Amino acid sequence: MLVGEKLAIVCERLLERYGVPDRPTGSPLEVLVRTVLSQNTNDRNRDRAYEALRRRFPRWEMLLAAPEEEIARCLRPGGLNHQKARRLKEIVKRVWRRWGQGEMEGICKLGRREALSFLLDLPGVGPKTAYCVLAFGCDVDLFPVDTHILRIAKRLGLLDERVTAEEAHRIFAPLVPPGRARDLHLLLIRYGREVCRARGPLCHRCLFPELCLYGPRDG
């Protein structure tokens, strides 16, 4: 069975199990900041850090004028707060240099290659973050690959064990069912948190036993 056919099966069964997920919303810059804050933490702590940041800096120009230490205090709930504070300040500076004041809406009018090139040049922004900005900030049918998705894809034989997350974005791009990239991204993350976990996967609840290479020997 081809990888594209397997992906179609995975997508269909996840939709049957969970239904169509609610998609995150926000401007491109909001999605970018939230995704950077999500690195190495969970959603709850990311949201706490983001809410603290926007309470203290309701306008982005206020963040640009603030000392990194003050930004870092807001980001403490999400961990790596000093690193993220430094990155966010530089990101907003570069965004404003390119797009002017606002929420970076202009990036949605660029071609995909140019938009990704700009995003990937920002500090702390890898393929997953860049794809998330275009997928959820610009409503583009893109498939971001995070650690949950990479793990599941390898367990199901969709990717070779040696494939990196960056390579996975290129491999999956032409194979994900059209119009389902964002839904599949969100559903696989949920499945990776609830069932196909990194440690102690609940193999008895597997939706894809005929595809799985990991098997009940570890569950």
Protein backbone atom coordinates (compact mmCIF):
# COMPACT_ATOMS: atom_id res chain seq x y z
CA MET A 1 0.00 0.00 0.00
CA LEU A 2 1.33 3.42 -0.97
CA VAL A 3 1.99 6.09 1.67
CA GLY A 4 -0.71 8.34 0.22
CA GLU A 5 -3.26 5.53 0.52
CA LYS A 6 -2.22 4.91 4.12
CA LEU A 7 -2.57 8.61 4.92
CA ALA A 8 -6.09 8.60 3.48
CA ILE A 9 -7.01 5.68 5.75
CA VAL A 10 -5.48 7.39 8.78
CA CYS A 11 -7.35 10.61 8.04
CA GLU A 12 -10.69 8.84 7.51
CA ARG A 13 -10.49 6.84 10.75
CA LEU A 14 -9.40 9.81 12.83
CA LEU A 15 -12.31 11.85 11.49
CA GLU A 16 -14.67 8.98 12.29
CA ARG A 17 -13.28 8.73 15.81
CA TYR A 18 -12.94 12.40 16.75
CA GLY A 19 -14.90 14.38 14.18
CA VAL A 20 -13.71 17.56 12.46
CA PRO A 21 -11.48 19.47 14.92
CA ASP A 22 -11.76 23.13 15.79
CA ARG A 23 -8.93 24.98 14.10
CA PRO A 24 -6.86 27.60 15.95
CA THR A 25 -7.51 31.14 14.85
CA GLY A 26 -5.52 34.36 14.96
CA SER A 27 -3.49 36.73 12.86
CA PRO A 28 -0.24 35.44 11.30
CA LEU A 29 1.80 37.23 13.98
CA GLU A 30 -0.36 35.89 16.81
CA VAL A 31 -0.02 32.34 15.46
CA LEU A 32 3.73 32.84 15.09
CA VAL A 33 4.18 34.04 18.66
CA ARG A 34 1.95 31.30 20.11
CA THR A 35 3.81 28.61 18.19
CA VAL A 36 7.21 29.87 19.32
CA LEU A 37 5.91 29.87 22.89
CA SER A 38 4.66 26.30 22.49
CA GLN A 39 8.18 24.96 22.01
CA ASN A 40 9.26 22.60 24.81
CA THR A 41 6.07 23.05 26.81
CA ASN A 42 2.40 22.05 26.83
CA ASP A 43 -0.62 23.99 25.57
CA ARG A 44 -1.70 25.11 29.02
CA ASN A 45 1.66 26.67 29.87
CA ARG A 46 1.94 28.18 26.40
CA ASP A 47 -1.44 29.86 26.83
CA ARG A 48 -0.53 31.14 30.28
CA ALA A 49 2.67 32.66 28.91
CA TYR A 50 0.90 34.20 25.92
CA GLU A 51 -1.88 35.70 28.04
CA ALA A 52 0.66 37.19 30.47
CA LEU A 53 2.62 38.60 27.54
CA ARG A 54 -0.40 40.31 25.96
CA ARG A 55 -1.65 41.66 29.27
CA ARG A 56 1.68 43.34 29.81
CA PHE A 57 2.21 44.28 26.14
CA PRO A 58 -1.20 44.70 24.45
CA ARG A 59 0.53 46.39 21.50
CA TRP A 60 3.56 44.88 19.82
CA GLU A 61 5.46 48.17 19.83
CA MET A 62 5.41 48.02 23.64
CA LEU A 63 7.25 44.69 23.49
CA LEU A 64 9.87 46.17 21.18
CA ALA A 65 10.58 48.94 23.67
CA ALA A 66 10.74 46.62 26.71
CA PRO A 67 13.88 45.09 28.25
CA GLU A 68 14.28 41.37 27.57
CA GLU A 69 14.14 40.67 31.32
CA GLU A 70 10.66 42.18 31.54
CA ILE A 71 9.47 40.07 28.60
CA ALA A 72 11.06 36.97 30.13
CA ARG A 73 9.10 37.43 33.37
CA CYS A 74 5.86 37.18 31.41
CA LEU A 75 7.03 34.02 29.68
CA ARG A 76 8.12 32.17 32.81
CA PRO A 77 5.13 29.74 32.78
CA GLY A 78 6.22 28.36 29.40
CA GLY A 79 9.84 27.61 30.24
CA LEU A 80 12.98 28.71 28.39
CA ASN A 81 11.66 32.19 29.03
CA HIS A 82 14.90 34.11 28.53
CA GLN A 83 15.61 32.39 25.21
CA LYS A 84 12.03 32.92 24.02
CA ALA A 85 12.03 36.56 25.13
CA ARG A 86 15.16 37.23 23.09
CA ARG A 87 13.72 35.44 20.07
CA LEU A 88 10.33 37.15 20.23
CA LYS A 89 11.82 40.61 20.42
CA GLU A 90 13.98 39.91 17.38
CA ILE A 91 11.04 38.33 15.52
CA VAL A 92 8.78 41.33 16.06
CA LYS A 93 11.62 43.66 15.05
CA ARG A 94 12.13 41.81 11.75
CA VAL A 95 8.40 41.53 11.09
CA TRP A 96 7.95 45.26 11.54
CA ARG A 97 11.00 45.97 9.40
CA ARG A 98 9.46 43.97 6.56
CA TRP A 99 5.73 44.59 7.00
CA GLY A 100 5.41 47.69 9.16
CA GLN A 101 3.11 47.93 12.17
CA GLY A 102 0.30 45.42 12.27
CA GLU A 103 -0.18 41.68 12.41
CA MET A 104 1.96 40.55 9.45
CA GLU A 105 -1.11 40.00 7.24
CA GLY A 106 0.99 40.79 4.17
CA ILE A 107 2.72 37.43 4.39
CA CYS A 108 -0.54 35.75 3.35
CA LYS A 109 -0.31 37.48 -0.04
CA LEU A 110 3.13 36.05 -0.82
CA GLY A 111 3.80 32.88 -2.73
CA ARG A 112 4.31 29.86 -0.50
CA ARG A 113 8.05 29.61 -1.16
CA GLU A 114 8.72 33.28 -0.41
CA ALA A 115 6.56 33.22 2.73
CA LEU A 116 8.32 30.13 4.06
CA SER A 117 11.72 31.61 3.26
CA PHE A 118 10.96 34.72 5.33
CA LEU A 119 9.60 32.71 8.26
CA LEU A 120 12.42 30.16 8.31
CA ASP A 121 14.96 32.97 8.51
CA LEU A 122 13.49 34.15 11.83
CA PRO A 123 15.20 33.04 15.07
CA GLY A 124 13.70 29.91 16.61
CA VAL A 125 11.44 29.23 13.63
CA GLY A 126 11.65 25.81 12.00
CA PRO A 127 9.44 24.15 9.39
CA LYS A 128 6.69 23.20 11.84
CA THR A 129 6.32 26.77 13.13
CA ALA A 130 6.48 28.25 9.63
CA TYR A 131 3.84 25.84 8.34
CA CYS A 132 1.60 26.59 11.33
CA VAL A 133 1.71 30.32 10.58
CA LEU A 134 0.57 29.80 6.99
CA ALA A 135 -1.89 27.03 7.84
CA PHE A 136 -3.69 28.73 10.72
CA GLY A 137 -2.79 32.39 10.23
CA CYS A 138 -3.29 32.49 6.45
CA ASP A 139 -5.76 29.63 5.93
CA VAL A 140 -3.41 27.67 3.66
CA ASP A 141 -3.87 23.90 3.27
CA LEU A 142 -0.50 22.91 4.76
CA PHE A 143 0.50 19.98 6.99
CA PRO A 144 2.82 20.96 9.87
CA VAL A 145 4.76 18.01 11.32
CA ASP A 146 5.48 18.04 15.05
CA THR A 147 7.04 15.42 17.33
CA HIS A 148 3.73 13.55 17.84
CA ILE A 149 3.11 13.30 14.11
CA LEU A 150 6.69 12.25 13.35
CA ARG A 151 6.47 9.49 15.98
CA ILE A 152 3.13 8.17 14.75
CA ALA A 153 4.19 8.31 11.10
CA LYS A 154 7.24 6.15 11.82
CA ARG A 155 5.25 3.68 13.91
CA LEU A 156 2.74 3.31 11.07
CA GLY A 157 5.43 2.87 8.45
CA LEU A 158 4.61 6.14 6.72
CA LEU A 159 8.18 7.34 7.16
CA ASP A 160 11.53 5.67 7.50
CA GLU A 161 12.99 5.80 11.01
CA ARG A 162 15.83 8.04 9.81
CA VAL A 163 13.60 10.76 8.37
CA THR A 164 13.79 14.12 10.15
CA ALA A 165 10.88 16.45 10.81
CA GLU A 166 12.20 18.84 8.16
CA GLU A 167 12.33 16.05 5.57
CA ALA A 168 8.86 14.88 6.62
CA HIS A 169 7.33 18.20 5.59
CA ARG A 170 8.63 17.74 2.05
CA ILE A 171 7.62 14.07 1.88
CA PHE A 172 4.07 14.57 3.10
CA ALA A 173 3.29 17.76 1.15
CA PRO A 174 2.02 16.00 -2.02
CA LEU A 175 0.51 13.02 -0.19
CA VAL A 176 -1.90 14.45 2.39
CA PRO A 177 -5.55 14.32 1.20
CA PRO A 178 -6.39 17.70 -0.38
CA GLY A 179 -8.26 20.02 1.95
CA ARG A 180 -7.50 17.86 5.00
CA ALA A 181 -3.96 18.93 5.88
CA ARG A 182 -4.85 21.09 8.89
CA ASP A 183 -7.48 18.68 10.21
CA LEU A 184 -5.07 15.75 9.92
CA HIS A 185 -2.38 17.74 11.74
CA LEU A 186 -4.69 18.50 14.67
CA LEU A 187 -6.18 14.98 14.81
CA LEU A 188 -2.79 13.26 14.81
CA ILE A 189 -1.60 15.48 17.63
CA ARG A 190 -4.66 14.55 19.67
CA TYR A 191 -4.16 10.87 18.86
CA GLY A 192 -0.49 11.12 19.83
CA ARG A 193 -1.37 12.63 23.20
CA GLU A 194 -4.24 10.29 24.04
CA VAL A 195 -3.37 6.94 22.44
CA CYS A 196 -0.09 6.64 20.51
CA ARG A 197 1.95 8.25 23.27
CA ALA A 198 5.73 8.42 23.33
CA ARG A 199 5.82 6.37 26.51
CA GLY A 200 3.23 3.77 27.38
CA PRO A 201 1.21 3.89 24.15
CA LEU A 202 -2.29 2.45 24.54
CA CYS A 203 -1.94 -0.15 21.81
CA HIS A 204 -5.27 -1.79 22.71
CA ARG A 205 -6.94 1.43 21.52
CA CYS A 206 -5.02 1.62 18.24
CA LEU A 207 -7.09 2.69 15.25
CA PHE A 208 -4.57 1.32 12.74
CA PRO A 209 -3.47 -2.17 13.88
CA GLU A 210 -2.92 -3.42 10.33
CA LEU A 211 -0.55 -0.54 9.59
CA CYS A 212 1.37 -0.37 12.86
CA LEU A 213 4.97 -1.59 12.95
CA TYR A 214 5.36 -0.79 16.65
CA GLY A 215 2.92 -3.44 17.79
CA PRO A 216 1.49 -4.67 21.05
CA ARG A 217 4.89 -5.96 22.17
CA ASP A 218 5.46 -2.45 23.63
CA GLY A 219 1.91 -1.79 24.82
